[in-house]
Protein backbone atom coordinates (compact mmCIF):
# COMPACT_ATOMS: atom_id res chain seq x y z
CA MET A 1 0.00 0.00 0.00
CA SER A 2 1.27 3.48 -0.71
CA VAL A 3 0.57 6.87 0.84
CA VAL A 4 0.82 10.43 -0.41
CA PHE A 5 3.82 12.46 0.70
CA SER A 6 3.79 16.03 -0.55
CA ILE A 7 6.28 18.86 -0.23
CA ARG A 8 6.51 22.43 -1.42
CA ILE A 9 9.35 23.24 -3.79
CA PRO A 10 10.40 26.52 -5.34
CA ARG A 11 8.44 27.42 -8.47
CA LYS A 12 11.67 27.74 -10.50
CA LEU A 13 12.65 24.17 -9.57
CA LYS A 14 9.23 22.89 -10.62
CA GLU A 15 9.57 24.67 -13.96
CA GLU A 16 13.01 23.14 -14.51
CA MET A 17 11.65 19.70 -13.65
CA GLU A 18 8.83 20.18 -16.16
CA GLU A 19 11.39 20.96 -18.88
CA LEU A 20 13.04 17.59 -18.17
CA LYS A 21 9.93 15.46 -17.70
CA ASP A 22 10.48 13.62 -21.01
CA LEU A 23 13.94 12.54 -19.81
CA VAL A 24 13.39 11.93 -16.11
CA ASP A 25 10.84 9.87 -14.22
CA TRP A 26 10.79 12.20 -11.22
CA ARG A 27 8.56 9.94 -9.15
CA SER A 28 10.98 7.03 -9.45
CA GLU A 29 14.00 9.28 -8.92
CA ILE A 30 12.56 10.77 -5.74
CA ILE A 31 11.46 7.40 -4.34
CA ALA A 32 14.93 5.92 -5.01
CA PHE A 33 16.59 8.92 -3.35
CA ILE A 34 14.39 8.67 -0.25
CA GLU A 35 14.92 4.91 0.00
CA GLU A 36 18.70 5.35 -0.15
CA ARG A 37 18.62 8.10 2.48
CA VAL A 38 16.49 5.94 4.78
CA ARG A 39 19.06 3.10 4.45
CA MET A 40 21.91 5.53 5.13
CA TYR A 41 20.28 7.01 8.23
CA LYS A 42 19.40 3.54 9.55
CA ARG A 43 23.09 2.58 9.26
CA MET A 44 24.08 5.81 11.02
CA LYS A 45 21.59 5.09 13.80
CA ALA A 46 22.92 1.54 14.21
CA LEU A 47 26.51 2.82 14.37
CA GLN A 48 25.54 5.39 16.99
CA GLU A 49 23.89 2.67 19.06
CA ILE A 50 26.95 0.41 18.76
CA THR A 51 29.23 3.30 19.72
CA ARG A 52 27.06 4.06 22.74
CA MET A 53 27.15 0.41 23.81
CA LEU A 54 30.93 0.23 23.39
CA GLU A 55 31.38 3.39 25.45
CA GLU A 56 29.40 1.77 28.27
CA LEU A 57 31.71 -1.25 28.42
CA PRO A 58 34.38 -1.18 31.12
CA GLU A 59 37.89 -0.42 29.92
CA THR A 60 40.28 -3.32 29.59
CA PRO A 61 43.55 -2.85 31.49
CA ARG A 62 46.50 -1.96 29.25
CA GLY A 63 48.26 -5.07 27.94
CA MET A 64 45.32 -7.39 28.70
CA ALA A 65 44.76 -8.19 25.01
CA ASP A 66 48.39 -9.32 24.63
CA PHE A 67 48.05 -11.43 27.78
CA GLN A 68 44.87 -13.09 26.53
CA LEU A 69 46.38 -13.79 23.10
CA HIS A 70 49.45 -15.32 24.80
CA GLU A 71 47.19 -17.54 26.90
CA LEU A 72 45.36 -18.75 23.79
CA ASP A 73 48.63 -19.48 21.97
CA SER A 74 49.99 -21.55 24.87
CA ARG A 75 47.05 -24.00 24.78
């Protein structure tokens, strides 16, 4: 199901779009643009959430990663 989403644009832009209507399917172009932006902002939101979660984790003492890798290698 689809819904109507309307915006106001400058008259000059509308006139320029009209001049290109034989070359450009504006509806498809605008839908594709919005879909891509939604994907981009969802990725940004996910990265922000991951960053927030990582910032909440306790810090590992310096050198702990080397110690843990050494322990794994000695098994």
